[in-house]
Amino acid sequence: MQIFLVAALIIAIVAVVFALQNPAPVTISFLVWQAQGSLALVLLITLLFGVLISLLVSVPTVFRRSRTISNQRKQIQSLERTLTEREKKIQELEATTAAPQPIAAPSTPSSESFAPLPPAPSEAPPDLSA
């Protein structure tokens, strides 16, 4: 903000010095109109018209940017609310699953659950090819 104030003050000083050094009268003609004034006054008025036109040209961009920023802020708030709700939901789920659950001890197999193996052959099988 202070930079703008300093810049405006410098421009004002330059304009005053310019007006004091250029007091010559000039005639301005535009179509059927004619006006007479000092050169400095005519140039400063022309400068002001240029500034006014540039401001008018930039107004739609400023409004568009302002609307975009507003929409983005609303979207950020909505996303933050969604995030908060989901974090609460996660905490609730963690709280319900964090309760210690009894762990079942592994069961040892009983001897009855296994099928007996067939007896190992004590002799070689008889030769049946003869």
N, C-alpha and C. Protein backbone atom coordinates (compact mmCIF):
# COMPACT_ATOMS: atom_id res chain seq x y z
N MET A 1 0.83 -1.19 0.00
CA MET A 1 0.00 0.00 0.00
C MET A 1 0.88 1.25 0.00
N GLN A 2 1.97 1.22 0.73
CA GLN A 2 2.84 2.39 0.80
C GLN A 2 3.54 2.64 -0.53
N ILE A 3 3.82 1.57 -1.28
CA ILE A 3 4.45 1.74 -2.59
C ILE A 3 3.53 2.51 -3.51
N PHE A 4 2.23 2.20 -3.48
CA PHE A 4 1.28 2.92 -4.33
C PHE A 4 1.21 4.40 -3.95
N LEU A 5 1.26 4.67 -2.66
CA LEU A 5 1.23 6.05 -2.20
C LEU A 5 2.48 6.80 -2.67
N VAL A 6 3.62 6.19 -2.56
CA VAL A 6 4.87 6.81 -3.01
C VAL A 6 4.84 7.02 -4.52
N ALA A 7 4.36 6.03 -5.28
CA ALA A 7 4.28 6.15 -6.73
C ALA A 7 3.32 7.27 -7.12
N ALA A 8 2.19 7.39 -6.46
CA ALA A 8 1.23 8.45 -6.76
C ALA A 8 1.82 9.82 -6.45
N LEU A 9 2.56 9.92 -5.36
CA LEU A 9 3.20 11.18 -5.00
C LEU A 9 4.26 11.58 -6.05
N ILE A 10 5.04 10.63 -6.51
CA ILE A 10 6.05 10.92 -7.54
C ILE A 10 5.39 11.37 -8.84
N ILE A 11 4.32 10.69 -9.23
CA ILE A 11 3.60 11.07 -10.45
C ILE A 11 3.02 12.47 -10.32
N ALA A 12 2.47 12.79 -9.16
CA ALA A 12 1.90 14.13 -8.94
C ALA A 12 2.99 15.20 -9.03
N ILE A 13 4.14 14.95 -8.45
CA ILE A 13 5.25 15.93 -8.51
C ILE A 13 5.71 16.13 -9.95
N VAL A 14 5.85 15.03 -10.69
CA VAL A 14 6.25 15.12 -12.10
C VAL A 14 5.20 15.90 -12.90
N ALA A 15 3.94 15.69 -12.64
CA ALA A 15 2.87 16.40 -13.35
C ALA A 15 2.92 17.90 -13.07
N VAL A 16 3.17 18.27 -11.83
CA VAL A 16 3.25 19.71 -11.47
C VAL A 16 4.45 20.34 -12.16
N VAL A 17 5.59 19.69 -12.13
CA VAL A 17 6.79 20.22 -12.79
C VAL A 17 6.54 20.34 -14.29
N PHE A 18 5.91 19.34 -14.88
CA PHE A 18 5.58 19.38 -16.31
C PHE A 18 4.65 20.54 -16.62
N ALA A 19 3.64 20.76 -15.80
CA ALA A 19 2.68 21.85 -16.04
C ALA A 19 3.36 23.21 -15.91
N LEU A 20 4.29 23.36 -14.96
CA LEU A 20 4.99 24.64 -14.80
C LEU A 20 5.94 24.93 -15.95
N GLN A 21 6.48 23.91 -16.58
CA GLN A 21 7.45 24.11 -17.66
C GLN A 21 6.79 24.19 -19.04
N ASN A 22 5.50 23.86 -19.15
CA ASN A 22 4.82 23.87 -20.45
C ASN A 22 3.52 24.68 -20.39
N PRO A 23 3.61 25.99 -20.20
CA PRO A 23 2.39 26.80 -20.10
C PRO A 23 1.88 27.28 -21.47
N ALA A 24 2.51 26.90 -22.56
CA ALA A 24 2.13 27.41 -23.88
C ALA A 24 0.70 27.02 -24.22
N PRO A 25 -0.08 27.97 -24.77
CA PRO A 25 -1.47 27.65 -25.16
C PRO A 25 -1.48 26.85 -26.47
N VAL A 26 -2.36 25.87 -26.54
CA VAL A 26 -2.55 25.07 -27.74
C VAL A 26 -4.03 24.97 -28.05
N THR A 27 -4.34 24.76 -29.32
CA THR A 27 -5.73 24.59 -29.76
C THR A 27 -5.92 23.14 -30.15
N ILE A 28 -6.94 22.52 -29.61
CA ILE A 28 -7.27 21.13 -29.90
C ILE A 28 -8.51 21.13 -30.79
N SER A 29 -8.44 20.44 -31.91
CA SER A 29 -9.58 20.32 -32.83
C SER A 29 -9.95 18.86 -32.98
N PHE A 30 -11.23 18.57 -32.82
CA PHE A 30 -11.74 17.21 -33.00
C PHE A 30 -13.09 17.32 -33.69
N LEU A 31 -13.15 16.86 -34.92
CA LEU A 31 -14.34 16.96 -35.78
C LEU A 31 -14.80 18.42 -35.82
N VAL A 32 -15.93 18.73 -35.19
CA VAL A 32 -16.44 20.11 -35.24
C VAL A 32 -16.13 20.89 -33.97
N TRP A 33 -15.51 20.23 -32.97
CA TRP A 33 -15.22 20.92 -31.72
C TRP A 33 -13.80 21.47 -31.73
N GLN A 34 -13.66 22.58 -31.05
CA GLN A 34 -12.33 23.16 -30.85
C GLN A 34 -12.22 23.60 -29.40
N ALA A 35 -11.04 23.37 -28.81
CA ALA A 35 -10.81 23.77 -27.43
C ALA A 35 -9.40 24.34 -27.34
N GLN A 36 -9.23 25.30 -26.43
CA GLN A 36 -7.92 25.90 -26.23
C GLN A 36 -7.53 25.75 -24.76
N GLY A 37 -6.26 25.43 -24.51
CA GLY A 37 -5.77 25.27 -23.15
C GLY A 37 -4.26 25.13 -23.17
N SER A 38 -3.69 25.07 -21.99
CA SER A 38 -2.23 24.94 -21.93
C SER A 38 -1.82 23.52 -22.37
N LEU A 39 -0.62 23.41 -22.89
CA LEU A 39 -0.12 22.12 -23.36
C LEU A 39 -0.11 21.10 -22.23
N ALA A 40 0.31 21.51 -21.06
CA ALA A 40 0.37 20.59 -19.92
C ALA A 40 -1.01 20.08 -19.55
N LEU A 41 -1.99 20.98 -19.52
CA LEU A 41 -3.35 20.59 -19.16
C LEU A 41 -3.91 19.60 -20.18
N VAL A 42 -3.70 19.86 -21.44
CA VAL A 42 -4.19 18.97 -22.49
C VAL A 42 -3.54 17.59 -22.37
N LEU A 43 -2.24 17.55 -22.16
CA LEU A 43 -1.56 16.26 -22.04
C LEU A 43 -1.98 15.51 -20.78
N LEU A 44 -2.17 16.21 -19.67
CA LEU A 44 -2.61 15.54 -18.44
C LEU A 44 -4.02 15.00 -18.58
N ILE A 45 -4.90 15.74 -19.25
CA ILE A 45 -6.27 15.25 -19.47
C ILE A 45 -6.23 14.01 -20.37
N THR A 46 -5.37 14.04 -21.39
CA THR A 46 -5.21 12.89 -22.27
C THR A 46 -4.71 11.68 -21.48
N LEU A 47 -3.75 11.90 -20.58
CA LEU A 47 -3.24 10.83 -19.73
C LEU A 47 -4.37 10.25 -18.85
N LEU A 48 -5.17 11.12 -18.27
CA LEU A 48 -6.28 10.66 -17.43
C LEU A 48 -7.29 9.84 -18.23
N PHE A 49 -7.59 10.27 -19.47
CA PHE A 49 -8.49 9.48 -20.31
C PHE A 49 -7.89 8.10 -20.61
N GLY A 50 -6.59 8.04 -20.85
CA GLY A 50 -5.93 6.76 -21.09
C GLY A 50 -6.02 5.84 -19.88
N VAL A 51 -5.80 6.40 -18.69
CA VAL A 51 -5.90 5.61 -17.46
C VAL A 51 -7.34 5.12 -17.27
N LEU A 52 -8.31 5.99 -17.52
CA LEU A 52 -9.72 5.62 -17.36
C LEU A 52 -10.09 4.50 -18.33
N ILE A 53 -9.67 4.59 -19.56
CA ILE A 53 -9.98 3.55 -20.54
C ILE A 53 -9.32 2.23 -20.14
N SER A 54 -8.07 2.26 -19.69
CA SER A 54 -7.41 1.01 -19.28
C SER A 54 -8.10 0.39 -18.06
N LEU A 55 -8.58 1.22 -17.15
CA LEU A 55 -9.33 0.68 -16.01
C LEU A 55 -10.63 0.03 -16.45
N LEU A 56 -11.33 0.68 -17.37
CA LEU A 56 -12.59 0.11 -17.86
C LEU A 56 -12.37 -1.20 -18.60
N VAL A 57 -11.26 -1.32 -19.31
CA VAL A 57 -10.95 -2.56 -20.02
C VAL A 57 -10.61 -3.68 -19.04
N SER A 58 -9.99 -3.34 -17.93
CA SER A 58 -9.56 -4.37 -16.98
C SER A 58 -10.66 -4.78 -15.99
N VAL A 59 -11.76 -4.05 -15.92
CA VAL A 59 -12.83 -4.36 -14.96
C VAL A 59 -13.40 -5.77 -15.15
N PRO A 60 -13.72 -6.21 -16.38
CA PRO A 60 -14.26 -7.57 -16.51
C PRO A 60 -13.29 -8.64 -16.00
N THR A 61 -12.01 -8.45 -16.25
CA THR A 61 -11.03 -9.42 -15.77
C THR A 61 -11.00 -9.46 -14.24
N VAL A 62 -11.08 -8.30 -13.63
CA VAL A 62 -11.07 -8.23 -12.16
C VAL A 62 -12.30 -8.93 -11.58
N PHE A 63 -13.47 -8.69 -12.17
CA PHE A 63 -14.69 -9.35 -11.68
C PHE A 63 -14.63 -10.85 -11.90
N ARG A 64 -14.12 -11.27 -13.05
CA ARG A 64 -14.01 -12.70 -13.34
C ARG A 64 -13.08 -13.37 -12.34
N ARG A 65 -11.96 -12.73 -12.07
CA ARG A 65 -10.99 -13.29 -11.11
C ARG A 65 -11.60 -13.35 -9.71
N SER A 66 -12.33 -12.30 -9.35
CA SER A 66 -12.97 -12.26 -8.02
C SER A 66 -13.98 -13.40 -7.89
N ARG A 67 -14.76 -13.63 -8.94
CA ARG A 67 -15.76 -14.70 -8.91
C ARG A 67 -15.07 -16.07 -8.83
N THR A 68 -13.99 -16.24 -9.57
CA THR A 68 -13.25 -17.50 -9.53
C THR A 68 -12.69 -17.76 -8.14
N ILE A 69 -12.12 -16.74 -7.54
CA ILE A 69 -11.57 -16.87 -6.18
C ILE A 69 -12.68 -17.23 -5.19
N SER A 70 -13.83 -16.59 -5.32
CA SER A 70 -14.95 -16.87 -4.43
C SER A 70 -15.40 -18.32 -4.59
N ASN A 71 -15.52 -18.79 -5.84
CA ASN A 71 -15.93 -20.18 -6.07
C ASN A 71 -14.90 -21.15 -5.51
N GLN A 72 -13.63 -20.84 -5.66
CA GLN A 72 -12.58 -21.72 -5.14
C GLN A 72 -12.59 -21.76 -3.62
N ARG A 73 -12.86 -20.63 -2.99
CA ARG A 73 -12.96 -20.62 -1.52
C ARG A 73 -14.12 -21.49 -1.05
N LYS A 74 -15.27 -21.40 -1.74
CA LYS A 74 -16.42 -22.24 -1.38
C LYS A 74 -16.08 -23.71 -1.55
N GLN A 75 -15.37 -24.03 -2.64
CA GLN A 75 -14.99 -25.42 -2.88
C GLN A 75 -14.02 -25.91 -1.81
N ILE A 76 -13.09 -25.06 -1.40
CA ILE A 76 -12.14 -25.43 -0.34
C ILE A 76 -12.90 -25.71 0.96
N GLN A 77 -13.86 -24.85 1.30
CA GLN A 77 -14.63 -25.06 2.53
C GLN A 77 -15.41 -26.37 2.46
N SER A 78 -15.99 -26.66 1.30
CA SER A 78 -16.73 -27.91 1.14
C SER A 78 -15.81 -29.11 1.28
N LEU A 79 -14.65 -29.04 0.67
CA LEU A 79 -13.70 -30.14 0.76
C LEU A 79 -13.16 -30.31 2.18
N GLU A 80 -12.96 -29.20 2.89
CA GLU A 80 -12.51 -29.28 4.28
C GLU A 80 -13.58 -29.94 5.15
N ARG A 81 -14.85 -29.60 4.91
CA ARG A 81 -15.93 -30.23 5.66
C ARG A 81 -15.98 -31.73 5.39
N THR A 82 -15.84 -32.10 4.12
CA THR A 82 -15.84 -33.52 3.76
C THR A 82 -14.67 -34.23 4.42
N LEU A 83 -13.50 -33.60 4.42
CA LEU A 83 -12.33 -34.19 5.06
C LEU A 83 -12.55 -34.39 6.55
N THR A 84 -13.12 -33.38 7.20
CA THR A 84 -13.38 -33.48 8.64
C THR A 84 -14.36 -34.62 8.93
N GLU A 85 -15.41 -34.72 8.10
CA GLU A 85 -16.39 -35.80 8.31
C GLU A 85 -15.74 -37.16 8.14
N ARG A 86 -14.89 -37.29 7.14
CA ARG A 86 -14.24 -38.58 6.91
C ARG A 86 -13.22 -38.92 7.99
N GLU A 87 -12.53 -37.90 8.50
CA GLU A 87 -11.60 -38.15 9.61
C GLU A 87 -12.35 -38.61 10.85
N LYS A 88 -13.53 -38.02 11.11
CA LYS A 88 -14.34 -38.46 12.24
C LYS A 88 -14.79 -39.90 12.04
N LYS A 89 -15.19 -40.22 10.82
CA LYS A 89 -15.64 -41.58 10.51
C LYS A 89 -14.50 -42.57 10.71
N ILE A 90 -13.29 -42.19 10.27
CA ILE A 90 -12.12 -43.06 10.46
C ILE A 90 -11.85 -43.26 11.94
N GLN A 91 -11.92 -42.20 12.73
CA GLN A 91 -11.69 -42.33 14.17
C GLN A 91 -12.72 -43.24 14.81
N GLU A 92 -13.99 -43.11 14.37
CA GLU A 92 -15.03 -43.97 14.93
C GLU A 92 -14.76 -45.44 14.58
N LEU A 93 -14.37 -45.67 13.34
CA LEU A 93 -14.08 -47.05 12.94
C LEU A 93 -12.86 -47.60 13.66
N GLU A 94 -11.85 -46.77 13.85
CA GLU A 94 -10.66 -47.21 14.57
C GLU A 94 -10.99 -47.50 16.03
N ALA A 95 -11.90 -46.70 16.61
CA ALA A 95 -12.27 -46.91 18.00
C ALA A 95 -13.03 -48.23 18.16
N THR A 96 -13.87 -48.57 17.19
CA THR A 96 -14.63 -49.82 17.30
C THR A 96 -13.73 -51.03 17.04
N THR A 97 -12.75 -50.89 16.16
CA THR A 97 -11.87 -52.03 15.88
C THR A 97 -10.68 -52.07 16.84
N ALA A 98 -10.45 -51.04 17.58
CA ALA A 98 -9.31 -50.99 18.50
C ALA A 98 -9.59 -51.75 19.79
N ALA A 99 -10.84 -52.08 20.05
CA ALA A 99 -11.16 -52.83 21.26
C ALA A 99 -10.48 -54.19 21.16
N PRO A 100 -9.81 -54.64 22.25
CA PRO A 100 -9.06 -55.91 22.18
C PRO A 100 -10.02 -57.07 21.97
N GLN A 101 -9.72 -57.87 20.98
CA GLN A 101 -10.52 -59.04 20.66
C GLN A 101 -9.76 -60.25 21.20
N PRO A 102 -10.45 -61.19 21.83
CA PRO A 102 -9.74 -62.37 22.34
C PRO A 102 -9.19 -63.17 21.17
N ILE A 103 -7.94 -63.56 21.33
CA ILE A 103 -7.29 -64.33 20.29
C ILE A 103 -7.45 -65.81 20.65
N ALA A 104 -7.96 -66.60 19.73
CA ALA A 104 -8.17 -68.03 19.97
C ALA A 104 -6.83 -68.73 19.95
N ALA A 105 -6.62 -69.60 20.93
CA ALA A 105 -5.37 -70.36 21.00
C ALA A 105 -5.39 -71.41 19.90
N PRO A 106 -4.27 -71.64 19.28
CA PRO A 106 -4.27 -72.65 18.21
C PRO A 106 -4.55 -74.03 18.80
N SER A 107 -5.39 -74.78 18.13
CA SER A 107 -5.74 -76.11 18.65
C SER A 107 -4.68 -77.11 18.20
N THR A 108 -4.42 -78.08 19.09
CA THR A 108 -3.45 -79.13 18.75
C THR A 108 -4.23 -80.30 18.16
N PRO A 109 -3.74 -80.82 17.11
CA PRO A 109 -4.50 -81.94 16.50
C PRO A 109 -4.46 -83.17 17.39
N SER A 110 -5.57 -83.85 17.48
CA SER A 110 -5.63 -85.09 18.27
C SER A 110 -5.19 -86.25 17.39
N SER A 111 -4.85 -87.32 18.02
CA SER A 111 -4.37 -88.49 17.26
C SER A 111 -5.51 -89.12 16.48
N GLU A 112 -6.73 -88.87 16.85
CA GLU A 112 -7.87 -89.46 16.16
C GLU A 112 -8.15 -88.77 14.84
N SER A 113 -7.65 -87.55 14.67
CA SER A 113 -7.97 -86.82 13.45
C SER A 113 -7.10 -87.25 12.28
N PHE A 114 -6.07 -88.06 12.53
CA PHE A 114 -5.20 -88.52 11.45
C PHE A 114 -5.58 -89.96 11.08
N ALA A 115 -5.56 -90.25 9.81
CA ALA A 115 -5.83 -91.62 9.35
C ALA A 115 -4.56 -92.44 9.52
N PRO A 116 -4.68 -93.71 9.94
CA PRO A 116 -3.47 -94.53 10.12
C PRO A 116 -2.82 -94.83 8.77
N LEU A 117 -1.51 -94.94 8.81
CA LEU A 117 -0.77 -95.26 7.61
C LEU A 117 -0.83 -96.76 7.36
N PRO A 118 -0.78 -97.18 6.12
CA PRO A 118 -0.78 -98.62 5.86
C PRO A 118 0.54 -99.21 6.32
N PRO A 119 0.56 -100.45 6.73
CA PRO A 119 1.80 -101.06 7.22
C PRO A 119 2.83 -101.15 6.10
N ALA A 120 4.06 -100.99 6.49
CA ALA A 120 5.15 -101.06 5.51
C ALA A 120 5.36 -102.52 5.13
N PRO A 121 5.63 -102.82 3.90
CA PRO A 121 5.84 -104.22 3.50
C PRO A 121 7.15 -104.73 4.09
N SER A 122 7.07 -105.90 4.67
CA SER A 122 8.27 -106.45 5.30
C SER A 122 9.10 -107.24 4.30
N GLU A 123 8.48 -107.78 3.30
CA GLU A 123 9.20 -108.54 2.30
C GLU A 123 8.97 -107.93 0.95
N ALA A 124 9.80 -108.31 0.03
CA ALA A 124 9.61 -107.85 -1.33
C ALA A 124 8.42 -108.61 -1.93
N PRO A 125 7.71 -108.02 -2.78
CA PRO A 125 6.55 -108.72 -3.34
C PRO A 125 7.00 -109.91 -4.21
N PRO A 126 6.18 -110.95 -4.25
CA PRO A 126 6.56 -112.13 -5.03
C PRO A 126 6.65 -111.80 -6.50
N ASP A 127 7.53 -112.53 -7.18
CA ASP A 127 7.72 -112.31 -8.60
C ASP A 127 6.64 -113.10 -9.33
N LEU A 128 5.79 -112.47 -10.05
CA LEU A 128 4.65 -113.09 -10.73
C LEU A 128 4.95 -113.35 -12.21
N SER A 129 6.11 -113.16 -12.66
CA SER A 129 6.40 -113.29 -14.11
C SER A 129 6.68 -114.75 -14.51
N ALA A 130 6.87 -115.69 -13.62
CA ALA A 130 7.22 -117.05 -13.97
C ALA A 130 6.07 -117.91 -14.28
